[in-house]
Amino acid sequence: MFDPDLFISWMAEQGAGSLSALIRDASWASGRDRKPVTQWLGRIEALGAATIDWRGDQWNTNPCEVTDLPGNTQTAVLTGTRPAGPDFYLARGAVAMPQPSGESDIPLPTTLWLQYRKLSRLHEFAAAVGAAVVPCAAESAARNLGNLALGPAIAPPSRDSSPELLDPVTGRFRSVDLVGRRPVPGLYKYTKFGRMDGYSLLREPPRQTALGHRQTAVLPPEQTWHSVDRRAGIHHALRPSAFPLRWKADPVPGHAGQRALGRLTADRRASLPMAQERTAVLCTGLASLRTADTEHYDGVPFFIADRIARTLHRRLETA
């Protein structure tokens, strides 16, 4: 049976490597095909165990750290790539929280928390397991989130790349013909190298007016194509009110206002980009709870949920 904690320890020993080789090794270890393994690695990245360069075919581990959860809960979580199995940390006072495997059916690594009353206990634990103590990583990540930015300008998709355009109403891609017509601005999906999906965002600047001697002419705007990943591209293409993020407060005494804790919910047609998802996951150290249509992130303070929504130019609905 596949042991995700053992695989994470193996990744810690390797430190970095080729993504293609990592997918191959994870497929062999789990007995699963490439697609569910790739989905699983995406969740491992969201948990903060590793940083993956999907385009560059590289990965590297993140350092093992102990960081407070937001909300003054006197609970810390172990983040990064753990070089030892859960028993090593449990023997030193950690609390284990198994995670559901989700849609890939490949189990996720155990979340490890430390509950403490005195700050000295936190530092004592960190020294015993060889991890650094860092201030609340979720709050730091939220502060460092930047607004969505366009990727570099690129050439438009080729005619034989099977282009599809995102329908902003349904959130689904539909086939389009780019031959002999001016393309509609939006997010395009196409086939790269005959085997992998690529995404390009077509933007159109405001129309410009050229003044002549006796007439005014409206010049067609110059269209530009930009490289984007799927999740960021979807948020670029959607209206702020489409598939809004939702946040519902938890009935937790002592937490109110901007620092109230709650559940952040994203529509899976507009999933959070990696930076925003990692920020939400850092609030508990737990992966999102996925349903067929939504992803739920628990323990997210309102100010972090609001920051995530603002950086994505999305509406945040509260309840």
C-alpha atoms as a PDB file:
ATOM      1  CA  MET A   1       0.000   0.000   0.000  1.00  0.00           C
ATOM      2  CA  PHE A   2       1.237   3.471  -0.909  1.00  0.00           C
ATOM      3  CA  ASP A   3       2.532   5.460   2.090  1.00  0.00           C
ATOM      4  CA  PRO A   4       2.407   9.207   1.297  1.00  0.00           C
ATOM      5  CA  ASP A   5       4.441  10.132   4.391  1.00  0.00           C
ATOM      6  CA  LEU A   6       7.224   7.773   3.332  1.00  0.00           C
ATOM      7  CA  PHE A   7       7.170   9.256  -0.169  1.00  0.00           C
ATOM      8  CA  ILE A   8       7.433  12.796   1.259  1.00  0.00           C
ATOM      9  CA  SER A   9      10.434  11.685   3.348  1.00  0.00           C
ATOM     10  CA  TRP A  10      12.006  10.281   0.186  1.00  0.00           C
ATOM     11  CA  MET A  11      11.411  13.612  -1.565  1.00  0.00           C
ATOM     12  CA  ALA A  12      13.128  15.380   1.348  1.00  0.00           C
ATOM     13  CA  GLU A  13      16.152  13.143   0.841  1.00  0.00           C
ATOM     14  CA  GLN A  14      16.234  13.844  -2.901  1.00  0.00           C
ATOM     15  CA  GLY A  15      15.768  17.601  -2.500  1.00  0.00           C
ATOM     16  CA  ALA A  16      15.077  18.373  -6.157  1.00  0.00           C
ATOM     17  CA  GLY A  17      14.868  16.769  -9.551  1.00  0.00           C
ATOM     18  CA  SER A  18      13.023  16.251 -12.798  1.00  0.00           C
ATOM     19  CA  LEU A  19       9.246  16.476 -12.613  1.00  0.00           C
ATOM     20  CA  SER A  20       8.863  13.783 -15.263  1.00  0.00           C
ATOM     21  CA  ALA A  21      10.951  11.416 -13.148  1.00  0.00           C
ATOM     22  CA  LEU A  22       8.974  12.335 -10.013  1.00  0.00           C
ATOM     23  CA  ILE A  23       5.683  11.551 -11.763  1.00  0.00           C
ATOM     24  CA  ARG A  24       7.129   8.255 -12.959  1.00  0.00           C
ATOM     25  CA  ASP A  25       8.344   7.328  -9.469  1.00  0.00           C
ATOM     26  CA  ALA A  26       5.063   8.352  -7.816  1.00  0.00           C
ATOM     27  CA  SER A  27       3.127   6.351 -10.422  1.00  0.00           C
ATOM     28  CA  TRP A  28       5.237   3.281  -9.683  1.00  0.00           C
ATOM     29  CA  ALA A  29       4.917   3.702  -5.903  1.00  0.00           C
ATOM     30  CA  SER A  30       1.156   4.326  -5.928  1.00  0.00           C
ATOM     31  CA  GLY A  31       0.233   2.032  -8.794  1.00  0.00           C
ATOM     32  CA  ARG A  32      -1.722   4.844 -10.433  1.00  0.00           C
ATOM     33  CA  ASP A  33      -1.624   6.412 -13.891  1.00  0.00           C
ATOM     34  CA  ARG A  34      -0.055   9.757 -14.776  1.00  0.00           C
ATOM     35  CA  LYS A  35      -3.238  11.873 -14.551  1.00  0.00           C
ATOM     36  CA  PRO A  36      -4.222  11.064 -10.926  1.00  0.00           C
ATOM     37  CA  VAL A  37      -0.569  11.261  -9.901  1.00  0.00           C
ATOM     38  CA  THR A  38      -0.246  14.712 -11.468  1.00  0.00           C
ATOM     39  CA  GLN A  39      -3.387  15.824  -9.609  1.00  0.00           C
ATOM     40  CA  TRP A  40      -1.935  14.421  -6.392  1.00  0.00           C
ATOM     41  CA  LEU A  41       1.343  16.295  -6.863  1.00  0.00           C
ATOM     42  CA  GLY A  42      -0.651  19.489  -7.363  1.00  0.00           C
ATOM     43  CA  ARG A  43      -2.181  18.936  -3.927  1.00  0.00           C
ATOM     44  CA  ILE A  44       1.265  18.204  -2.472  1.00  0.00           C
ATOM     45  CA  GLU A  45       2.422  21.556  -3.837  1.00  0.00           C
ATOM     46  CA  ALA A  46      -0.608  23.297  -2.295  1.00  0.00           C
ATOM     47  CA  LEU A  47       0.292  21.711   1.051  1.00  0.00           C
ATOM     48  CA  GLY A  48       3.704  23.373   0.766  1.00  0.00           C
ATOM     49  CA  ALA A  49       5.831  20.235   0.657  1.00  0.00           C
ATOM     50  CA  ALA A  50       7.401  21.177  -2.661  1.00  0.00           C
ATOM     51  CA  THR A  51       7.507  23.854  -5.313  1.00  0.00           C
ATOM     52  CA  ILE A  52       6.892  22.563  -8.833  1.00  0.00           C
ATOM     53  CA  ASP A  53       7.899  24.202 -12.090  1.00  0.00           C
ATOM     54  CA  TRP A  54       5.346  22.536 -14.337  1.00  0.00           C
ATOM     55  CA  ARG A  55       6.615  24.181 -17.506  1.00  0.00           C
ATOM     56  CA  GLY A  56      10.288  23.742 -16.690  1.00  0.00           C
ATOM     57  CA  ASP A  57       9.844  20.078 -15.656  1.00  0.00           C
ATOM     58  CA  GLN A  58      11.554  20.640 -12.299  1.00  0.00           C
ATOM     59  CA  TRP A  59      10.670  20.376  -8.609  1.00  0.00           C
ATOM     60  CA  ASN A  60      12.355  21.157  -5.329  1.00  0.00           C
ATOM     61  CA  THR A  61      11.454  20.648  -1.682  1.00  0.00           C
ATOM     62  CA  ASN A  62      10.613  23.397   0.768  1.00  0.00           C
ATOM     63  CA  PRO A  63      12.341  23.540   4.182  1.00  0.00           C
ATOM     64  CA  CYS A  64      10.666  21.933   7.167  1.00  0.00           C
ATOM     65  CA  GLU A  65       9.281  24.680   9.434  1.00  0.00           C
ATOM     66  CA  VAL A  66       6.977  25.101  12.417  1.00  0.00           C
ATOM     67  CA  THR A  67       4.546  28.005  12.162  1.00  0.00           C
ATOM     68  CA  ASP A  68       1.584  29.271  14.156  1.00  0.00           C
ATOM     69  CA  LEU A  69      -1.918  28.976  12.750  1.00  0.00           C
ATOM     70  CA  PRO A  70      -3.811  32.283  12.533  1.00  0.00           C
ATOM     71  CA  GLY A  71      -6.284  33.176  15.234  1.00  0.00           C
ATOM     72  CA  ASN A  72      -4.196  32.910  18.421  1.00  0.00           C
ATOM     73  CA  THR A  73      -5.133  29.243  18.755  1.00  0.00           C
ATOM     74  CA  GLN A  74      -1.834  28.293  20.399  1.00  0.00           C
ATOM     75  CA  THR A  75      -1.543  25.672  17.710  1.00  0.00           C
ATOM     76  CA  ALA A  76       1.316  25.373  15.248  1.00  0.00           C
ATOM     77  CA  VAL A  77       1.607  23.253  12.114  1.00  0.00           C
ATOM     78  CA  LEU A  78       4.613  21.549  10.591  1.00  0.00           C
ATOM     79  CA  THR A  79       5.051  22.726   6.990  1.00  0.00           C
ATOM     80  CA  GLY A  80       7.493  21.956   4.199  1.00  0.00           C
ATOM     81  CA  THR A  81       9.019  18.590   3.389  1.00  0.00           C
ATOM     82  CA  ARG A  82       9.404  16.391   6.447  1.00  0.00           C
ATOM     83  CA  PRO A  83      12.510  14.175   6.459  1.00  0.00           C
ATOM     84  CA  ALA A  84      10.980  11.719   8.966  1.00  0.00           C
ATOM     85  CA  GLY A  85       7.723   9.844   9.315  1.00  0.00           C
ATOM     86  CA  PRO A  86       4.838  10.956  11.579  1.00  0.00           C
ATOM     87  CA  ASP A  87       5.900   8.673  14.468  1.00  0.00           C
ATOM     88  CA  PHE A  88       9.106  10.692  14.903  1.00  0.00           C
ATOM     89  CA  TYR A  89       7.085  13.865  15.497  1.00  0.00           C
ATOM     90  CA  LEU A  90       4.347  12.175  17.535  1.00  0.00           C
ATOM     91  CA  ALA A  91       6.973  10.907  19.962  1.00  0.00           C
ATOM     92  CA  ARG A  92       7.962  14.544  20.547  1.00  0.00           C
ATOM     93  CA  GLY A  93       4.474  15.818  21.259  1.00  0.00           C
ATOM     94  CA  ALA A  94       2.867  16.451  17.869  1.00  0.00           C
ATOM     95  CA  VAL A  95      -0.758  15.612  17.096  1.00  0.00           C
ATOM     96  CA  ALA A  96      -1.573  13.787  13.841  1.00  0.00           C
ATOM     97  CA  MET A  97      -4.525  14.606  11.603  1.00  0.00           C
ATOM     98  CA  PRO A  98      -5.017  12.157   8.700  1.00  0.00           C
ATOM     99  CA  GLN A  99      -6.333  13.725   5.504  1.00  0.00           C
ATOM    100  CA  PRO A 100      -8.897  12.321   3.068  1.00  0.00           C
ATOM    101  CA  SER A 101      -7.424  11.259  -0.253  1.00  0.00           C
ATOM    102  CA  GLY A 102      -9.965  13.103  -2.381  1.00  0.00           C
ATOM    103  CA  GLU A 103     -10.769  12.429  -6.010  1.00  0.00           C
ATOM    104  CA  SER A 104      -7.386  10.958  -6.946  1.00  0.00           C
ATOM    105  CA  ASP A 105      -7.783   8.131  -4.384  1.00  0.00           C
ATOM    106  CA  ILE A 106      -4.094   8.574  -3.595  1.00  0.00           C
ATOM    107  CA  PRO A 107      -3.758   9.325   0.125  1.00  0.00           C
ATOM    108  CA  LEU A 108      -2.300  12.639   1.228  1.00  0.00           C
ATOM    109  CA  PRO A 109       0.425  12.975   3.870  1.00  0.00           C
ATOM    110  CA  THR A 110      -0.578  13.376   7.498  1.00  0.00           C
ATOM    111  CA  THR A 111      -0.948  16.877   8.897  1.00  0.00           C
ATOM    112  CA  LEU A 112       1.021  17.412  12.108  1.00  0.00           C
ATOM    113  CA  TRP A 113       0.050  20.031  14.677  1.00  0.00           C
ATOM    114  CA  LEU A 114       1.607  21.072  17.965  1.00  0.00           C
ATOM    115  CA  GLN A 115      -0.528  22.530  20.723  1.00  0.00           C
ATOM    116  CA  TYR A 116       1.318  24.554  23.337  1.00  0.00           C
ATOM    117  CA  ARG A 117       0.756  26.988  26.196  1.00  0.00           C
ATOM    118  CA  LYS A 118       4.190  28.579  26.373  1.00  0.00           C
ATOM    119  CA  LEU A 119       6.279  29.838  23.470  1.00  0.00           C
ATOM    120  CA  SER A 120       9.283  28.005  24.904  1.00  0.00           C
ATOM    121  CA  ARG A 121       7.479  24.715  24.194  1.00  0.00           C
ATOM    122  CA  LEU A 122       7.195  25.639  20.516  1.00  0.00           C
ATOM    123  CA  HIS A 123      10.918  26.358  20.255  1.00  0.00           C
ATOM    124  CA  GLU A 124      11.739  23.213  22.203  1.00  0.00           C
ATOM    125  CA  PHE A 125       9.741  21.094  19.773  1.00  0.00           C
ATOM    126  CA  ALA A 126      11.280  22.786  16.727  1.00  0.00           C
ATOM    127  CA  ALA A 127      14.790  22.161  18.040  1.00  0.00           C
ATOM    128  CA  ALA A 128      13.967  18.512  18.730  1.00  0.00           C
ATOM    129  CA  VAL A 129      12.748  17.873  15.167  1.00  0.00           C
ATOM    130  CA  GLY A 130      15.300  20.079  13.387  1.00  0.00           C
ATOM    131  CA  ALA A 131      12.804  22.617  12.044  1.00  0.00           C
ATOM    132  CA  ALA A 132      12.896  26.413  12.057  1.00  0.00           C
ATOM    133  CA  VAL A 133      10.232  28.451  13.845  1.00  0.00           C
ATOM    134  CA  VAL A 134       8.679  31.129  11.607  1.00  0.00           C
ATOM    135  CA  PRO A 135       5.931  33.687  12.317  1.00  0.00           C
ATOM    136  CA  CYS A 136       2.422  32.852  11.097  1.00  0.00           C
ATOM    137  CA  ALA A 137       3.115  31.726   7.530  1.00  0.00           C
ATOM    138  CA  ALA A 138      -0.512  32.133   6.446  1.00  0.00           C
ATOM    139  CA  GLU A 139      -0.526  35.821   7.367  1.00  0.00           C
ATOM    140  CA  SER A 140       2.877  36.383   5.740  1.00  0.00           C
ATOM    141  CA  ALA A 141       1.741  34.649   2.557  1.00  0.00           C
ATOM    142  CA  ALA A 142      -1.433  36.764   2.465  1.00  0.00           C
ATOM    143  CA  ARG A 143       0.545  39.990   2.803  1.00  0.00           C
ATOM    144  CA  ASN A 144       2.876  38.922  -0.001  1.00  0.00           C
ATOM    145  CA  LEU A 145       0.124  38.011  -2.454  1.00  0.00           C
ATOM    146  CA  GLY A 146       0.251  40.185  -5.554  1.00  0.00           C
ATOM    147  CA  ASN A 147      -2.490  41.046  -7.988  1.00  0.00           C
ATOM    148  CA  LEU A 148      -2.817  38.819 -11.013  1.00  0.00           C
ATOM    149  CA  ALA A 149      -0.303  39.816 -13.655  1.00  0.00           C
ATOM    150  CA  LEU A 150      -0.211  38.925 -17.327  1.00  0.00           C
ATOM    151  CA  GLY A 151       2.412  36.480 -18.481  1.00  0.00           C
ATOM    152  CA  PRO A 152       4.882  37.245 -21.282  1.00  0.00           C
ATOM    153  CA  ALA A 153       3.617  38.053 -24.763  1.00  0.00           C
ATOM    154  CA  ILE A 154       3.610  35.027 -27.044  1.00  0.00           C
ATOM    155  CA  ALA A 155       2.529  34.035 -30.545  1.00  0.00           C
ATOM    156  CA  PRO A 156      -1.126  33.051 -31.038  1.00  0.00           C
ATOM    157  CA  PRO A 157      -2.064  29.358 -31.076  1.00  0.00           C
ATOM    158  CA  SER A 158      -1.362  27.635 -34.368  1.00  0.00           C
ATOM    159  CA  ARG A 159      -4.208  26.587 -36.636  1.00  0.00           C
ATOM    160  CA  ASP A 160      -3.632  22.887 -35.965  1.00  0.00           C
ATOM    161  CA  SER A 161      -3.519  23.173 -32.147  1.00  0.00           C
ATOM    162  CA  SER A 162      -7.235  22.462 -31.605  1.00  0.00           C
ATOM    163  CA  PRO A 163      -7.975  25.825 -29.913  1.00  0.00           C
ATOM    164  CA  GLU A 164     -10.834  26.148 -27.428  1.00  0.00           C
ATOM    165  CA  LEU A 165     -12.233  29.341 -25.879  1.00  0.00           C
ATOM    166  CA  LEU A 166     -13.449  29.653 -22.285  1.00  0.00           C
ATOM    167  CA  ASP A 167     -17.158  30.447 -22.080  1.00  0.00           C
ATOM    168  CA  PRO A 168     -17.348  32.976 -19.197  1.00  0.00           C
ATOM    169  CA  VAL A 169     -20.974  32.060 -18.500  1.00  0.00           C
ATOM    170  CA  THR A 170     -20.597  28.301 -18.111  1.00  0.00           C
ATOM    171  CA  GLY A 171     -16.904  28.190 -17.176  1.00  0.00           C
ATOM    172  CA  ARG A 172     -16.340  25.521 -19.839  1.00  0.00           C
ATOM    173  CA  PHE A 173     -14.121  25.515 -22.923  1.00  0.00           C
ATOM    174  CA  ARG A 174     -15.637  25.166 -26.401  1.00  0.00           C
ATOM    175  CA  SER A 175     -13.968  24.597 -29.761  1.00  0.00           C
ATOM    176  CA  VAL A 176     -13.377  27.636 -31.968  1.00  0.00           C
ATOM    177  CA  ASP A 177     -12.044  28.253 -35.465  1.00  0.00           C
ATOM    178  CA  LEU A 178      -9.319  30.909 -35.613  1.00  0.00           C
ATOM    179  CA  VAL A 179      -8.858  30.744 -39.379  1.00  0.00           C
ATOM    180  CA  GLY A 180      -9.798  33.859 -41.356  1.00  0.00           C
ATOM    181  CA  ARG A 181     -11.411  35.839 -38.547  1.00  0.00           C
ATOM    182  CA  ARG A 182     -10.477  38.200 -35.756  1.00  0.00           C
ATOM    183  CA  PRO A 183     -10.343  36.139 -32.549  1.00  0.00           C
ATOM    184  CA  VAL A 184     -12.537  37.036 -29.596  1.00  0.00           C
ATOM    185  CA  PRO A 185     -10.628  38.229 -26.484  1.00  0.00           C
ATOM    186  CA  GLY A 186     -10.541  35.657 -23.697  1.00  0.00           C
ATOM    187  CA  LEU A 187      -8.760  32.559 -22.422  1.00  0.00           C
ATOM    188  CA  TYR A 188      -7.777  29.952 -25.007  1.00  0.00           C
ATOM    189  CA  LYS A 189      -6.816  26.354 -24.447  1.00  0.00           C
ATOM    190  CA  TYR A 190      -4.829  24.532 -27.109  1.00  0.00           C
ATOM    191  CA  THR A 191      -2.556  21.566 -27.674  1.00  0.00           C
ATOM    192  CA  LYS A 192       1.200  22.081 -27.367  1.00  0.00           C
ATOM    193  CA  PHE A 193       3.645  19.716 -29.020  1.00  0.00           C
ATOM    194  CA  GLY A 194       0.712  17.479 -29.891  1.00  0.00           C
ATOM    195  CA  ARG A 195       0.306  16.123 -26.356  1.00  0.00           C
ATOM    196  CA  MET A 196      -0.056  18.747 -23.592  1.00  0.00           C
ATOM    197  CA  ASP A 197      -2.462  21.579 -22.869  1.00  0.00           C
ATOM    198  CA  GLY A 198      -1.340  25.178 -23.156  1.00  0.00           C
ATOM    199  CA  TYR A 199      -3.228  28.339 -22.216  1.00  0.00           C
ATOM    200  CA  SER A 200      -3.082  31.829 -23.732  1.00  0.00           C
ATOM    201  CA  LEU A 201      -4.962  34.965 -22.795  1.00  0.00           C
ATOM    202  CA  LEU A 202      -5.960  37.301 -25.616  1.00  0.00           C
ATOM    203  CA  ARG A 203      -6.298  40.883 -24.426  1.00  0.00           C
ATOM    204  CA  GLU A 204      -7.594  43.864 -26.356  1.00  0.00           C
ATOM    205  CA  PRO A 205      -6.668  47.398 -25.214  1.00  0.00           C
ATOM    206  CA  PRO A 206      -9.186  50.276 -25.456  1.00  0.00           C
ATOM    207  CA  ARG A 207      -9.865  51.609 -28.920  1.00  0.00           C
ATOM    208  CA  GLN A 208      -7.814  54.598 -30.037  1.00  0.00           C
ATOM    209  CA  THR A 209      -9.009  57.488 -32.185  1.00  0.00           C
ATOM    210  CA  ALA A 210      -6.743  58.893 -34.913  1.00  0.00           C
ATOM    211  CA  LEU A 211      -7.487  62.489 -35.987  1.00  0.00           C
ATOM    212  CA  GLY A 212      -6.985  63.277 -39.666  1.00  0.00           C
ATOM    213  CA  HIS A 213      -7.314  66.591 -41.582  1.00  0.00           C
ATOM    214  CA  ARG A 214     -11.087  66.381 -42.088  1.00  0.00           C
ATOM    215  CA  GLN A 215     -12.157  63.145 -40.458  1.00  0.00           C
ATOM    216  CA  THR A 216     -11.904  61.028 -37.347  1.00  0.00           C
ATOM    217  CA  ALA A 217     -11.085  57.345 -37.709  1.00  0.00           C
ATOM    218  CA  VAL A 218     -11.493  54.671 -35.068  1.00  0.00           C
ATOM    219  CA  LEU A 219      -8.513  52.352 -35.246  1.00  0.00           C
ATOM    220  CA  PRO A 220      -8.998  48.653 -34.418  1.00  0.00           C
ATOM    221  CA  PRO A 221      -7.095  47.867 -31.220  1.00  0.00           C
ATOM    222  CA  GLU A 222      -3.979  45.747 -31.434  1.00  0.00           C
ATOM    223  CA  GLN A 223      -4.570  42.327 -29.918  1.00  0.00           C
ATOM    224  CA  THR A 224      -1.882  40.718 -27.749  1.00  0.00           C
ATOM    225  CA  TRP A 225      -1.520  37.121 -26.610  1.00  0.00           C
ATOM    226  CA  HIS A 226      -0.077  36.314 -23.185  1.00  0.00           C
ATOM    227  CA  SER A 227       1.077  33.071 -21.647  1.00  0.00           C
ATOM    228  CA  VAL A 228      -0.860  32.070 -18.506  1.00  0.00           C
ATOM    229  CA  ASP A 229      -1.533  28.961 -16.487  1.00  0.00           C
ATOM    230  CA  ARG A 230      -5.048  27.578 -16.435  1.00  0.00           C
ATOM    231  CA  ARG A 231      -6.193  28.834 -13.033  1.00  0.00           C
ATOM    232  CA  ALA A 232      -4.799  32.361 -13.306  1.00  0.00           C
ATOM    233  CA  GLY A 233      -6.088  32.627 -16.877  1.00  0.00           C
ATOM    234  CA  ILE A 234      -9.618  31.743 -15.794  1.00  0.00           C
ATOM    235  CA  HIS A 235      -9.643  34.496 -13.161  1.00  0.00           C
ATOM    236  CA  HIS A 236      -8.269  36.954 -15.721  1.00  0.00           C
ATOM    237  CA  ALA A 237     -11.067  36.108 -18.141  1.00  0.00           C
ATOM    238  CA  LEU A 238     -14.042  36.097 -15.767  1.00  0.00           C
ATOM    239  CA  ARG A 239     -16.078  39.035 -14.522  1.00  0.00           C
ATOM    240  CA  PRO A 240     -15.639  39.767 -10.779  1.00  0.00           C
ATOM    241  CA  SER A 241     -19.189  38.577 -10.103  1.00  0.00           C
ATOM    242  CA  ALA A 242     -18.864  35.258 -11.962  1.00  0.00           C
ATOM    243  CA  PHE A 243     -18.419  32.217  -9.704  1.00  0.00           C
ATOM    244  CA  PRO A 244     -17.729  34.413  -6.649  1.00  0.00           C
ATOM    245  CA  LEU A 245     -15.685  33.262  -3.680  1.00  0.00           C
ATOM    246  CA  ARG A 246     -17.722  32.677  -0.531  1.00  0.00           C
ATOM    247  CA  TRP A 247     -16.758  32.960   3.123  1.00  0.00           C
ATOM    248  CA  LYS A 248     -18.863  31.803   6.072  1.00  0.00           C
ATOM    249  CA  ALA A 249     -17.874  32.614   9.648  1.00  0.00           C
ATOM    250  CA  ASP A 250     -17.356  29.841  12.173  1.00  0.00           C
ATOM    251  CA  PRO A 251     -19.182  30.130  15.519  1.00  0.00           C
ATOM    252  CA  VAL A 252     -15.881  30.452  17.420  1.00  0.00           C
ATOM    253  CA  PRO A 253     -15.995  32.543  20.623  1.00  0.00           C
ATOM    254  CA  GLY A 254     -13.397  35.289  20.862  1.00  0.00           C
ATOM    255  CA  HIS A 255     -12.944  35.796  17.120  1.00  0.00           C
ATOM    256  CA  ALA A 256     -14.721  38.634  15.356  1.00  0.00           C
ATOM    257  CA  GLY A 257     -14.285  41.244  12.658  1.00  0.00           C
ATOM    258  CA  GLN A 258     -11.331  40.976  10.289  1.00  0.00           C
ATOM    259  CA  ARG A 259      -9.788  38.131  12.303  1.00  0.00           C
ATOM    260  CA  ALA A 260     -12.911  35.987  12.513  1.00  0.00           C
ATOM    261  CA  LEU A 261     -12.259  32.446  11.294  1.00  0.00           C
ATOM    262  CA  GLY A 262     -14.438  30.801   8.687  1.00  0.00           C
ATOM    263  CA  ARG A 263     -14.740  28.570   5.647  1.00  0.00           C
ATOM    264  CA  LEU A 264     -13.608  29.891   2.267  1.00  0.00           C
ATOM    265  CA  THR A 265     -15.324  28.220  -0.691  1.00  0.00           C
ATOM    266  CA  ALA A 266     -14.265  28.409  -4.328  1.00  0.00           C
ATOM    267  CA  ASP A 267     -16.197  27.149  -7.344  1.00  0.00           C
ATOM    268  CA  ARG A 268     -14.124  24.465  -9.071  1.00  0.00           C
ATOM    269  CA  ARG A 269     -14.743  26.164 -12.396  1.00  0.00           C
ATOM    270  CA  ALA A 270     -12.584  28.977 -10.981  1.00  0.00           C
ATOM    271  CA  SER A 271     -10.198  27.215  -8.595  1.00  0.00           C
ATOM    272  CA  LEU A 272      -7.661  29.267  -6.660  1.00  0.00           C
ATOM    273  CA  PRO A 273      -4.278  29.758  -8.349  1.00  0.00           C
ATOM    274  CA  MET A 274      -1.400  28.087  -6.489  1.00  0.00           C
ATOM    275  CA  ALA A 275      -0.202  31.124  -4.493  1.00  0.00           C
ATOM    276  CA  GLN A 276      -3.721  31.844  -3.228  1.00  0.00           C
ATOM    277  CA  GLU A 277      -4.441  28.179  -2.534  1.00  0.00           C
ATOM    278  CA  ARG A 278      -1.235  27.716  -0.545  1.00  0.00           C
ATOM    279  CA  THR A 279      -2.174  30.757   1.521  1.00  0.00           C
ATOM    280  CA  ALA A 280      -5.585  29.264   2.335  1.00  0.00           C
ATOM    281  CA  VAL A 281      -4.082  25.840   3.116  1.00  0.00           C
ATOM    282  CA  LEU A 282      -1.519  27.380   5.494  1.00  0.00           C
ATOM    283  CA  CYS A 283      -4.392  28.497   7.718  1.00  0.00           C
ATOM    284  CA  THR A 284      -4.767  24.894   8.955  1.00  0.00           C
ATOM    285  CA  GLY A 285      -2.203  22.757   7.141  1.00  0.00           C
ATOM    286  CA  LEU A 286      -5.087  20.764   5.702  1.00  0.00           C
ATOM    287  CA  ALA A 287      -5.794  20.270   2.016  1.00  0.00           C
ATOM    288  CA  SER A 288      -9.055  21.594   0.646  1.00  0.00           C
ATOM    289  CA  LEU A 289     -12.186  19.520   1.058  1.00  0.00           C
ATOM    290  CA  ARG A 290     -13.346  18.848  -2.486  1.00  0.00           C
ATOM    291  CA  THR A 291     -16.816  18.125  -3.744  1.00  0.00           C
ATOM    292  CA  ALA A 292     -17.918  17.728  -7.348  1.00  0.00           C
ATOM    293  CA  ASP A 293     -18.446  21.500  -7.688  1.00  0.00           C
ATOM    294  CA  THR A 294     -16.557  23.245  -4.879  1.00  0.00           C
ATOM    295  CA  GLU A 295     -13.384  23.409  -2.829  1.00  0.00           C
ATOM    296  CA  HIS A 296     -13.611  24.317   0.865  1.00  0.00           C
ATOM    297  CA  TYR A 297     -10.802  25.765   2.980  1.00  0.00           C
ATOM    298  CA  ASP A 298     -11.434  25.802   6.720  1.00  0.00           C
ATOM    299  CA  GLY A 299      -9.987  28.068   9.394  1.00  0.00           C
ATOM    300  CA  VAL A 300      -9.423  31.031   7.052  1.00  0.00           C
ATOM    301  CA  PRO A 301      -9.614  34.453   8.760  1.00  0.00           C
ATOM    302  CA  PHE A 302     -11.831  36.961   7.005  1.00  0.00           C
ATOM    303  CA  PHE A 303      -8.948  39.327   6.239  1.00  0.00           C
ATOM    304  CA  ILE A 304      -7.052  36.538   4.460  1.00  0.00           C
ATOM    305  CA  ALA A 305     -10.144  35.490   2.477  1.00  0.00           C
ATOM    306  CA  ASP A 306     -10.679  39.133   1.527  1.00  0.00           C
ATOM    307  CA  ARG A 307      -7.041  39.513   0.481  1.00  0.00           C
ATOM    308  CA  ILE A 308      -7.258  36.389  -1.697  1.00  0.00           C
ATOM    309  CA  ALA A 309     -10.411  37.671  -3.403  1.00  0.00           C
ATOM    310  CA  ARG A 310      -8.956  41.137  -4.009  1.00  0.00           C
ATOM    311  CA  THR A 311      -5.772  39.797  -5.623  1.00  0.00           C
ATOM    312  CA  LEU A 312      -7.910  37.726  -7.987  1.00  0.00           C
ATOM    313  CA  HIS A 313     -10.287  40.620  -8.770  1.00  0.00           C
ATOM    314  CA  ARG A 314     -13.123  38.436  -7.515  1.00  0.00           C
ATOM    315  CA  ARG A 315     -16.204  39.224  -5.463  1.00  0.00           C
ATOM    316  CA  LEU A 316     -16.234  37.759  -1.942  1.00  0.00           C
ATOM    317  CA  GLU A 317     -19.698  36.907  -0.664  1.00  0.00           C
ATOM    318  CA  THR A 318     -20.097  36.513   3.086  1.00  0.00           C
ATOM    319  CA  ALA A 319     -22.615  34.737   5.270  1.00  0.00           C
END
